[in-house]
């Protein structure tokens, strides 16, 4: 969820954005508010305390549904309280960490950096972790939790490096529902899992998707995606089925 702001020599930023306090979460919300999600099923992976789940709940309306996945008990408790406070009735909360396999695994909770908690300890944190508490959580594949009869319109993934495994566990859904996918990808988080970000790009390329940065830059190929994700010019990407590629017009190209 958080963005690492390192030195330009180590993690160079997009020249236009360097030194500018950019709210990428707000940019993401602006994008999906431009989509027609009325009465649709949307999935929020890494829902945390509802930053995007609640706007998405509003957008899908009373006949739509938001599936929220949040494995961290502390965040999930806050999420439940907020759902009750807001009177939200179209959200379903799952206590699972999504992955490519089902089972039980470790989850590393960072009390002073809860948004950077995950299934692996990050290669780089935004601050010095005050402590690292190891929890046990259940993992599931998204393909096993979303019935094939249900079509997903929008999928948001914020998993602190676990994006590749999540996408592998959602291969059927991506191929059949063809949702618009918003995801994060940056070396500071994924290096604890792998060093093959081009495999993420391949999942989308193989399914006839185009990948854009949140600022509207078209990622041309696997090597470009690897370069961007290591340079961390931006952390947020939007993958759009090519038959809906016109939706990228709403992204701001810096």
Protein backbone atom coordinates (compact mmCIF):
# COMPACT_ATOMS: atom_id res chain seq x y z
CA UNK A 1 0.00 0.00 0.00
CA UNK A 2 2.80 2.42 0.84
CA UNK A 3 5.29 3.79 -1.68
CA UNK A 4 9.02 3.68 -1.05
CA UNK A 5 10.64 7.05 -1.54
CA UNK A 6 14.34 6.27 -1.83
CA UNK A 7 17.13 8.29 -3.33
CA UNK A 8 16.89 8.97 -7.09
CA UNK A 9 20.15 7.10 -7.64
CA UNK A 10 18.66 3.94 -6.20
CA UNK A 11 15.00 4.21 -7.15
CA UNK A 12 14.69 6.96 -9.79
CA UNK A 13 11.24 8.46 -10.12
CA UNK A 14 9.44 9.78 -13.18
CA UNK A 15 11.05 13.22 -13.75
CA UNK A 16 7.72 15.02 -13.66
CA UNK A 17 6.70 13.37 -10.40
CA UNK A 18 10.01 13.55 -8.56
CA UNK A 19 9.71 15.77 -5.54
CA UNK A 20 5.93 16.02 -5.91
CA UNK A 21 3.60 14.60 -3.30
CA UNK A 22 1.39 12.49 -5.56
CA UNK A 23 -1.63 10.72 -4.08
CA UNK A 24 -1.69 7.54 -6.16
CA UNK A 25 -4.63 6.15 -4.20
CA UNK A 26 -6.68 9.20 -5.24
CA UNK A 27 -5.54 8.73 -8.85
CA UNK A 28 -6.69 5.11 -8.73
CA UNK A 29 -10.06 6.12 -7.31
CA UNK A 30 -10.48 8.74 -10.01
CA UNK A 31 -9.88 6.05 -12.62
CA UNK A 32 -12.36 3.48 -11.35
CA UNK A 33 -14.99 6.15 -10.66
CA UNK A 34 -14.97 6.64 -14.41
CA UNK A 35 -15.96 3.00 -14.99
CA UNK A 36 -19.54 1.77 -15.14
CA UNK A 37 -19.55 -0.67 -12.22
CA UNK A 38 -23.26 -0.48 -11.43
CA UNK A 39 -24.67 -3.86 -10.36
CA UNK A 40 -21.28 -5.50 -10.91
CA UNK A 41 -19.07 -7.78 -8.82
CA UNK A 42 -15.74 -6.20 -7.93
CA UNK A 43 -12.88 -7.69 -5.91
CA UNK A 44 -10.60 -5.79 -3.54
CA UNK A 45 -7.52 -7.83 -2.67
CA UNK A 46 -5.68 -6.31 0.26
CA UNK A 47 -8.69 -4.30 1.37
CA UNK A 48 -6.97 -3.18 4.59
CA UNK A 49 -9.43 -0.80 6.32
CA UNK A 50 -11.50 0.00 3.23
CA UNK A 51 -9.75 2.85 1.41
CA UNK A 52 -11.06 1.52 -1.91
CA UNK A 53 -13.69 -0.95 -0.72
CA UNK A 54 -16.09 1.78 0.37
CA UNK A 55 -15.96 3.85 -2.84
CA UNK A 56 -16.35 0.61 -4.80
CA UNK A 57 -19.33 -0.35 -2.64
CA UNK A 58 -20.93 2.97 -3.52
CA UNK A 59 -20.26 2.50 -7.23
CA UNK A 60 -21.65 -1.03 -7.58
CA UNK A 61 -24.84 -0.05 -5.77
CA UNK A 62 -27.40 -2.15 -3.96
CA UNK A 63 -27.49 -4.87 -6.60
CA UNK A 64 -23.71 -5.14 -6.88
CA UNK A 65 -21.20 -6.80 -4.57
CA UNK A 66 -17.70 -6.11 -3.31
CA UNK A 67 -15.57 -9.07 -2.26
CA UNK A 68 -12.92 -7.81 0.17
CA UNK A 69 -9.89 -9.94 1.06
CA UNK A 70 -7.97 -8.92 4.17
CA UNK A 71 -5.91 -11.49 6.11
CA UNK A 72 -4.62 -9.13 8.83
CA UNK A 73 -6.96 -9.48 11.85
CA UNK A 74 -6.23 -5.97 13.17
CA UNK A 75 -7.15 -4.35 9.85
CA UNK A 76 -10.12 -6.64 9.36
CA UNK A 77 -11.54 -5.65 12.76
CA UNK A 78 -11.42 -1.96 11.80
CA UNK A 79 -12.96 -2.84 8.46
CA UNK A 80 -15.89 -4.65 10.12
CA UNK A 81 -16.51 -1.71 12.44
CA UNK A 82 -16.55 0.71 9.53
CA UNK A 83 -18.89 -1.50 7.50
CA UNK A 84 -21.33 -1.52 10.42
CA UNK A 85 -20.95 2.22 11.01
CA UNK A 86 -21.65 3.01 7.36
CA UNK A 87 -24.47 0.51 7.05
CA UNK A 88 -22.83 -1.21 4.09
CA UNK A 89 -24.78 -4.29 3.02
CA UNK A 90 -23.17 -5.16 -0.33
CA UNK A 91 -19.69 -6.13 0.91
CA UNK A 92 -18.43 -9.61 1.77
CA UNK A 93 -15.21 -9.84 3.77
CA UNK A 94 -12.91 -12.87 3.44
CA UNK A 95 -10.13 -13.50 6.02
CA UNK A 96 -7.77 -15.05 3.48
CA UNK A 97 -4.47 -14.07 1.92
CA UNK A 98 -4.82 -14.80 -1.78
CA UNK A 99 -2.07 -16.76 -3.49
CA UNK A 100 -1.45 -19.46 -6.10
CA UNK A 101 -2.06 -22.27 -3.59
CA UNK A 102 -4.35 -22.99 -0.65
CA UNK A 103 -2.95 -23.71 2.80
CA UNK A 104 -1.56 -22.09 5.94
CA UNK A 105 1.42 -19.78 5.87
CA UNK A 106 3.24 -17.06 7.80
CA UNK A 107 2.12 -13.43 7.66
CA UNK A 108 4.49 -10.69 8.81
CA UNK A 109 2.61 -7.94 10.64
CA UNK A 110 4.37 -4.58 11.07
CA UNK A 111 2.47 -2.64 13.79
CA UNK A 112 3.86 0.78 12.83
CA UNK A 113 3.62 0.03 9.10
CA UNK A 114 0.48 -2.13 8.83
CA UNK A 115 0.01 -1.35 5.14
CA UNK A 116 3.40 -2.93 4.45
CA UNK A 117 2.59 -6.20 6.22
CA UNK A 118 2.48 -9.29 4.04
CA UNK A 119 3.33 -12.95 3.46
CA UNK A 120 7.01 -12.05 3.17
CA UNK A 121 9.19 -9.50 4.88
CA UNK A 122 9.75 -6.68 2.41
CA UNK A 123 13.16 -6.03 0.91
CA UNK A 124 12.76 -2.32 1.78
CA UNK A 125 10.32 -0.60 4.12
CA UNK A 126 9.23 3.04 4.09
CA UNK A 127 10.46 3.37 7.65
CA UNK A 128 12.23 1.28 10.26
CA UNK A 129 9.78 -1.41 11.43
CA UNK A 130 9.09 -1.03 15.15
CA UNK A 131 8.58 -4.75 15.39
CA UNK A 132 7.72 -7.71 13.20
CA UNK A 133 5.04 -10.07 14.49
CA UNK A 134 4.66 -13.40 12.71
CA UNK A 135 1.08 -14.61 12.37
CA UNK A 136 -0.44 -17.67 10.70
CA UNK A 137 -3.01 -17.03 7.99
CA UNK A 138 -4.94 -19.14 5.51
CA UNK A 139 -4.20 -18.77 1.80
CA UNK A 140 -6.67 -19.40 -0.98
CA UNK A 141 -6.82 -19.14 -4.77
CA UNK A 142 -9.22 -16.55 -6.12
CA UNK A 143 -10.35 -19.08 -8.74
CA UNK A 144 -11.57 -21.32 -5.90
CA UNK A 145 -13.59 -18.55 -4.23
CA UNK A 146 -15.32 -16.84 -7.14
CA UNK A 147 -17.79 -19.21 -8.84
CA UNK A 148 -17.38 -19.47 -12.60
CA UNK A 149 -21.00 -18.32 -12.91
CA UNK A 150 -20.03 -14.91 -11.44
CA UNK A 151 -18.33 -12.37 -13.67
CA UNK A 152 -15.85 -9.95 -12.08
CA UNK A 153 -15.78 -6.47 -13.61
CA UNK A 154 -12.92 -4.92 -11.64
CA UNK A 155 -10.07 -6.43 -9.61
CA UNK A 156 -7.81 -4.36 -7.35
CA UNK A 157 -4.66 -5.98 -5.94
CA UNK A 158 -2.49 -4.44 -3.23
CA UNK A 159 -0.48 -7.26 -1.69
CA UNK A 160 3.00 -5.94 -0.92
CA UNK A 161 4.81 -8.14 -3.43
CA UNK A 162 2.40 -11.06 -3.66
CA UNK A 163 0.77 -9.89 -6.89
CA UNK A 164 2.29 -12.57 -9.14
CA UNK A 165 1.05 -15.45 -6.98
CA UNK A 166 -2.40 -13.86 -6.73
CA UNK A 167 -2.66 -13.49 -10.49
CA UNK A 168 -1.56 -17.09 -10.98
CA UNK A 169 -4.33 -18.14 -8.61
CA UNK A 170 -6.85 -16.11 -10.62
CA UNK A 171 -5.89 -17.36 -14.09
CA UNK A 172 -9.31 -18.80 -14.91
CA UNK A 173 -11.16 -15.71 -13.74
CA UNK A 174 -8.91 -13.41 -15.75
CA UNK A 175 -9.40 -15.51 -18.86
CA UNK A 176 -13.20 -15.75 -18.56
CA UNK A 177 -14.41 -12.62 -16.75
CA UNK A 178 -11.72 -10.38 -18.29
CA UNK A 179 -11.88 -7.79 -15.52
CA UNK A 180 -10.03 -4.52 -15.51
CA UNK A 181 -7.14 -5.11 -13.08
CA UNK A 182 -5.51 -2.43 -10.94
CA UNK A 183 -2.34 -3.66 -9.26
CA UNK A 184 0.84 -2.49 -7.61
CA UNK A 185 4.30 -3.64 -8.59
CA UNK A 186 7.60 -2.39 -7.22
CA UNK A 187 10.95 -4.04 -6.52
CA UNK A 188 10.95 -2.88 -2.89
CA UNK A 189 8.14 -5.34 -2.22
CA UNK A 190 8.30 -8.10 -4.84
CA UNK A 191 12.00 -8.92 -4.44
CA UNK A 192 11.11 -10.88 -1.29
CA UNK A 193 8.98 -13.14 -3.53
CA UNK A 194 10.74 -13.21 -6.90
CA UNK A 195 12.71 -11.18 -9.42
CA UNK A 196 10.59 -11.94 -12.45
CA UNK A 197 8.13 -9.03 -12.77
CA UNK A 198 7.99 -9.77 -16.49
CA UNK A 199 5.95 -12.86 -15.54
CA UNK A 200 3.20 -10.49 -14.36
CA UNK A 201 3.27 -8.74 -17.72
CA UNK A 202 3.13 -12.11 -19.50
CA UNK A 203 -0.08 -13.09 -17.69
CA UNK A 204 -1.77 -10.05 -19.18
CA UNK A 205 -0.11 -10.24 -22.59
CA UNK A 206 -1.16 -13.89 -22.94
CA UNK A 207 -4.76 -12.88 -22.20
CA UNK A 208 -4.79 -10.04 -24.75
CA UNK A 209 -4.57 -7.20 -22.24
CA UNK A 210 -2.70 -3.90 -22.44
CA UNK A 211 -0.85 -2.63 -19.37
CA UNK A 212 -0.66 1.06 -18.48
CA UNK A 213 0.89 2.95 -15.61
CA UNK A 214 -1.52 4.90 -13.42
CA UNK A 215 -0.23 8.00 -15.22
CA UNK A 216 -1.28 6.63 -18.61
CA UNK A 217 2.05 5.37 -19.93
CA UNK A 218 1.58 2.30 -22.13
CA UNK A 219 4.00 -0.46 -21.15
CA UNK A 220 5.13 -1.84 -24.50
CA UNK A 221 6.74 -5.15 -23.60
CA UNK A 222 8.07 -7.48 -20.92
CA UNK A 223 11.47 -5.79 -20.66
CA UNK A 224 9.91 -2.35 -20.32
CA UNK A 225 7.72 -3.61 -17.49
CA UNK A 226 10.75 -5.08 -15.75
CA UNK A 227 12.59 -1.77 -16.12
CA UNK A 228 9.66 0.27 -14.79
CA UNK A 229 9.04 -2.02 -11.84
CA UNK A 230 12.68 -1.94 -10.78
CA UNK A 231 13.06 1.79 -11.33
CA UNK A 232 9.78 2.38 -9.49
CA UNK A 233 8.84 5.38 -11.56
CA UNK A 234 5.33 4.47 -10.43
CA UNK A 235 3.88 1.62 -8.41
CA UNK A 236 0.34 1.47 -9.75
CA UNK A 237 -0.65 -0.15 -13.03
CA UNK A 238 -3.92 -0.76 -14.85
CA UNK A 239 -4.33 -3.85 -17.05
CA UNK A 240 -7.19 -3.46 -19.53
CA UNK A 241 -8.60 -6.08 -21.93
CA UNK A 242 -7.82 -4.91 -25.44
CA UNK A 243 -11.50 -4.86 -26.36
CA UNK A 244 -11.91 -2.18 -23.64
CA UNK A 245 -8.66 -0.38 -24.29
CA UNK A 246 -10.44 2.94 -24.87
CA UNK A 247 -10.94 3.09 -21.06
CA UNK A 248 -7.27 3.98 -20.73
CA UNK A 249 -8.10 7.39 -22.22
CA UNK A 250 -9.14 8.55 -18.75
CA UNK A 251 -5.64 7.97 -17.35
CA UNK A 252 -3.48 11.07 -17.12
CA UNK A 253 -0.31 10.74 -19.18
CA UNK A 254 2.44 12.84 -17.68
